[in-house]
């Protein structure tokens, strides 16, 4: 929904450089869509328990906040049209994000969409982050909806795997990384933007 992945990638790169760390892109790419706990475990697995995760995370967060304060956060093309469409048909909506609650709420508020959702579930509220289904199952429970009745819109492979494991219908809108063949097997559809999702759902809802 929010154009934050490019911001996060640059913030991570700058934080690693500040600490004198050399972390290849393929390691960072494995962190996309995962919560802080899973990212910590990934880095420890690759670099050992002495890896300065807390310092890296703190520097990255500081860099992200500086950028957002200076430039704000843009919403992805098609998001507002899609939210309006779902409101028109009174369809319940939830945010399911790996980001910590405090940070996520602040970003949604900055982007002026915090009040557009009925429920939310956050990365620090579940024991197992994406690709485990916990986050999306919590979101569905808070919406009082069965998982099989839920459509998941995701830009990351861990998110698609989580939605599939939850028994939901995943649609992928890739951001920085295109889906692997295995991930494509899990999705209902891969589209280029949320505007494409709007165009997909509009005739379906009109003909209900």
Protein backbone atom coordinates (compact mmCIF):
# COMPACT_ATOMS: atom_id res chain seq x y z
CA UNK A 1 0.00 0.00 0.00
CA UNK A 2 2.80 2.39 0.92
CA UNK A 3 5.86 3.16 -1.15
CA UNK A 4 8.28 2.25 1.64
CA UNK A 5 10.36 -0.62 0.27
CA UNK A 6 12.75 1.63 -1.65
CA UNK A 7 13.10 3.79 1.47
CA UNK A 8 13.80 0.72 3.62
CA UNK A 9 16.39 -0.68 1.22
CA UNK A 10 18.35 2.58 1.11
CA UNK A 11 18.07 3.00 4.88
CA UNK A 12 19.42 -0.53 5.39
CA UNK A 13 22.30 0.05 2.96
CA UNK A 14 23.26 3.33 4.65
CA UNK A 15 23.00 1.78 8.13
CA UNK A 16 25.26 -1.14 7.15
CA UNK A 17 27.76 1.30 5.67
CA UNK A 18 27.74 3.39 8.86
CA UNK A 19 28.62 0.27 10.87
CA UNK A 20 31.22 -0.96 8.41
CA UNK A 21 29.18 -4.03 7.47
CA UNK A 22 29.14 -5.67 4.05
CA UNK A 23 25.79 -7.38 3.53
CA UNK A 24 25.01 -8.58 -0.01
CA UNK A 25 21.70 -7.79 -1.68
CA UNK A 26 20.63 -11.44 -1.64
CA UNK A 27 20.68 -11.43 2.18
CA UNK A 28 18.63 -8.23 2.36
CA UNK A 29 16.16 -9.62 -0.18
CA UNK A 30 15.48 -12.57 2.12
CA UNK A 31 14.44 -10.12 4.84
CA UNK A 32 11.76 -8.39 2.78
CA UNK A 33 8.31 -9.04 4.19
CA UNK A 34 9.60 -10.56 7.42
CA UNK A 35 9.27 -9.16 10.92
CA UNK A 36 12.18 -8.02 13.11
CA UNK A 37 12.45 -11.36 14.92
CA UNK A 38 12.74 -13.34 11.68
CA UNK A 39 15.21 -10.83 10.23
CA UNK A 40 17.35 -11.07 13.35
CA UNK A 41 17.40 -14.88 13.11
CA UNK A 42 18.33 -14.70 9.42
CA UNK A 43 21.29 -12.43 10.07
CA UNK A 44 22.45 -14.49 13.06
CA UNK A 45 22.25 -17.65 10.93
CA UNK A 46 24.45 -16.04 8.28
CA UNK A 47 26.89 -14.06 10.43
CA UNK A 48 26.78 -15.60 13.89
CA UNK A 49 25.34 -14.49 17.25
CA UNK A 50 27.82 -11.61 17.57
CA UNK A 51 26.29 -9.79 14.61
CA UNK A 52 25.34 -6.23 15.77
CA UNK A 53 21.67 -6.55 14.86
CA UNK A 54 20.37 -4.04 17.41
CA UNK A 55 22.76 -1.35 16.23
CA UNK A 56 21.92 -2.04 12.59
CA UNK A 57 18.18 -1.98 13.27
CA UNK A 58 18.47 1.26 15.24
CA UNK A 59 20.49 2.97 12.49
CA UNK A 60 18.13 1.73 9.78
CA UNK A 61 15.07 2.96 11.69
CA UNK A 62 16.69 6.34 12.22
CA UNK A 63 17.47 6.65 8.51
CA UNK A 64 13.92 5.69 7.55
CA UNK A 65 12.38 8.21 9.93
CA UNK A 66 14.65 10.97 8.66
CA UNK A 67 13.63 10.28 5.06
CA UNK A 68 9.93 10.10 5.91
CA UNK A 69 10.04 13.36 7.89
CA UNK A 70 11.68 15.11 4.96
CA UNK A 71 9.71 13.54 2.10
CA UNK A 72 6.60 11.89 3.56
CA UNK A 73 5.19 8.56 2.34
CA UNK A 74 3.45 8.03 -0.98
CA UNK A 75 0.65 5.52 -1.47
CA UNK A 76 0.92 3.04 -4.30
CA UNK A 77 -0.99 3.83 -7.52
CA UNK A 78 -4.56 2.59 -7.36
CA UNK A 79 -4.76 2.23 -3.58
CA UNK A 80 -7.28 4.99 -2.93
CA UNK A 81 -9.51 3.91 -5.83
CA UNK A 82 -9.42 0.35 -4.49
CA UNK A 83 -10.29 1.41 -0.94
CA UNK A 84 -13.17 3.52 -2.26
CA UNK A 85 -14.46 0.52 -4.25
CA UNK A 86 -14.35 -1.77 -1.22
CA UNK A 87 -16.13 0.88 0.87
CA UNK A 88 -18.80 1.20 -1.81
CA UNK A 89 -19.68 -2.47 -1.35
CA UNK A 90 -19.16 -2.43 2.45
CA UNK A 91 -16.41 -5.04 2.32
CA UNK A 92 -14.35 -5.25 5.53
CA UNK A 93 -10.64 -4.49 5.25
CA UNK A 94 -7.67 -5.25 7.49
CA UNK A 95 -3.98 -4.39 7.48
CA UNK A 96 -1.67 -7.34 8.11
CA UNK A 97 1.88 -6.04 8.34
CA UNK A 98 5.17 -7.42 9.64
CA UNK A 99 6.01 -3.95 10.92
CA UNK A 100 5.77 -3.24 14.65
CA UNK A 101 2.45 -1.72 15.76
CA UNK A 102 3.90 1.61 16.90
CA UNK A 103 5.80 2.16 13.64
CA UNK A 104 3.01 0.89 11.36
CA UNK A 105 0.34 3.10 12.91
CA UNK A 106 2.59 6.13 12.56
CA UNK A 107 3.23 5.40 8.88
CA UNK A 108 -0.42 4.78 8.11
CA UNK A 109 -1.24 8.09 9.79
CA UNK A 110 1.47 9.89 7.81
CA UNK A 111 0.01 8.47 4.59
CA UNK A 112 -3.48 9.51 5.76
CA UNK A 113 -5.03 6.06 5.41
CA UNK A 114 -5.06 4.87 9.03
CA UNK A 115 -8.83 5.32 9.30
CA UNK A 116 -9.60 3.46 6.09
CA UNK A 117 -9.37 0.01 7.72
CA UNK A 118 -11.68 -1.91 10.04
CA UNK A 119 -8.96 -3.93 11.76
CA UNK A 120 -5.19 -4.35 11.88
CA UNK A 121 -2.63 -6.99 12.88
CA UNK A 122 1.05 -6.27 13.44
CA UNK A 123 4.33 -8.14 13.39
CA UNK A 124 4.95 -7.75 17.11
CA UNK A 125 1.57 -9.31 17.94
CA UNK A 126 2.32 -12.82 16.64
CA UNK A 127 4.79 -15.49 17.67
CA UNK A 128 5.67 -16.44 14.10
CA UNK A 129 6.01 -13.90 11.31
CA UNK A 130 5.57 -14.40 7.58
CA UNK A 131 5.83 -16.89 5.87
CA UNK A 132 3.90 -18.44 8.80
CA UNK A 133 0.14 -17.72 8.53
CA UNK A 134 -0.24 -16.29 12.06
CA UNK A 135 -0.46 -12.62 11.07
CA UNK A 136 -3.16 -13.09 8.45
CA UNK A 137 -5.13 -15.50 10.62
CA UNK A 138 -5.16 -12.87 13.38
CA UNK A 139 -6.35 -10.24 10.90
CA UNK A 140 -9.16 -12.53 9.67
CA UNK A 141 -10.17 -13.31 13.26
CA UNK A 142 -10.37 -9.61 14.06
CA UNK A 143 -12.54 -9.09 10.99
CA UNK A 144 -14.71 -12.02 12.11
CA UNK A 145 -14.17 -13.65 8.72
CA UNK A 146 -13.27 -17.19 7.70
CA UNK A 147 -9.77 -17.38 6.14
CA UNK A 148 -11.10 -18.94 2.93
CA UNK A 149 -13.28 -15.85 2.42
CA UNK A 150 -10.29 -13.48 2.56
CA UNK A 151 -8.36 -12.00 -0.34
CA UNK A 152 -4.72 -11.18 0.40
CA UNK A 153 -2.85 -8.44 -1.50
CA UNK A 154 0.90 -8.86 -1.07
CA UNK A 155 4.13 -7.60 -2.60
CA UNK A 156 6.56 -10.10 -1.01
CA UNK A 157 7.18 -13.82 -1.29
CA UNK A 158 6.95 -14.41 2.49
CA UNK A 159 3.59 -12.63 2.43
CA UNK A 160 2.27 -14.77 -0.42
CA UNK A 161 3.42 -17.94 1.37
CA UNK A 162 1.73 -16.74 4.56
CA UNK A 163 -1.54 -16.00 2.78
CA UNK A 164 -1.49 -19.37 1.05
CA UNK A 165 -0.69 -21.19 4.30
CA UNK A 166 -3.63 -19.39 5.91
CA UNK A 167 -5.95 -20.79 3.25
CA UNK A 168 -6.67 -17.38 1.74
CA UNK A 169 -6.69 -16.17 -1.87
CA UNK A 170 -3.37 -14.43 -2.62
CA UNK A 171 -2.83 -11.78 -5.28
CA UNK A 172 0.73 -10.55 -5.71
CA UNK A 173 1.73 -7.03 -6.69
CA UNK A 174 5.54 -7.34 -6.87
CA UNK A 175 7.60 -4.41 -5.63
CA UNK A 176 11.38 -4.74 -5.88
CA UNK A 177 11.49 -8.51 -6.42
CA UNK A 178 9.58 -10.56 -8.97
CA UNK A 179 8.04 -13.84 -7.73
CA UNK A 180 9.91 -17.10 -8.16
CA UNK A 181 8.20 -19.94 -10.08
CA UNK A 182 7.32 -21.61 -6.78
CA UNK A 183 5.62 -18.45 -5.51
CA UNK A 184 3.72 -18.02 -8.76
CA UNK A 185 2.24 -21.47 -8.16
CA UNK A 186 0.69 -20.19 -4.91
CA UNK A 187 -1.02 -17.07 -6.22
CA UNK A 188 -4.41 -16.54 -7.78
CA UNK A 189 -2.95 -13.79 -9.95
CA UNK A 190 0.15 -11.61 -10.34
CA UNK A 191 -0.58 -8.00 -11.35
CA UNK A 192 1.49 -4.86 -11.83
CA UNK A 193 -0.33 -2.47 -9.52
CA UNK A 194 -3.24 -1.94 -7.15
CA UNK A 195 -4.97 -0.21 -10.05
CA UNK A 196 -4.96 -3.61 -11.76
CA UNK A 197 -6.58 -5.10 -8.65
CA UNK A 198 -9.25 -2.39 -8.84
CA UNK A 199 -9.91 -3.25 -12.49
CA UNK A 200 -10.07 -6.95 -11.61
CA UNK A 201 -12.51 -6.58 -8.71
CA UNK A 202 -14.78 -3.84 -10.04
CA UNK A 203 -16.74 -5.98 -12.57
CA UNK A 204 -16.90 -8.89 -10.11
CA UNK A 205 -18.47 -6.68 -7.45
CA UNK A 206 -20.79 -4.95 -9.92
CA UNK A 207 -22.17 -8.33 -11.01
CA UNK A 208 -22.63 -9.85 -7.54
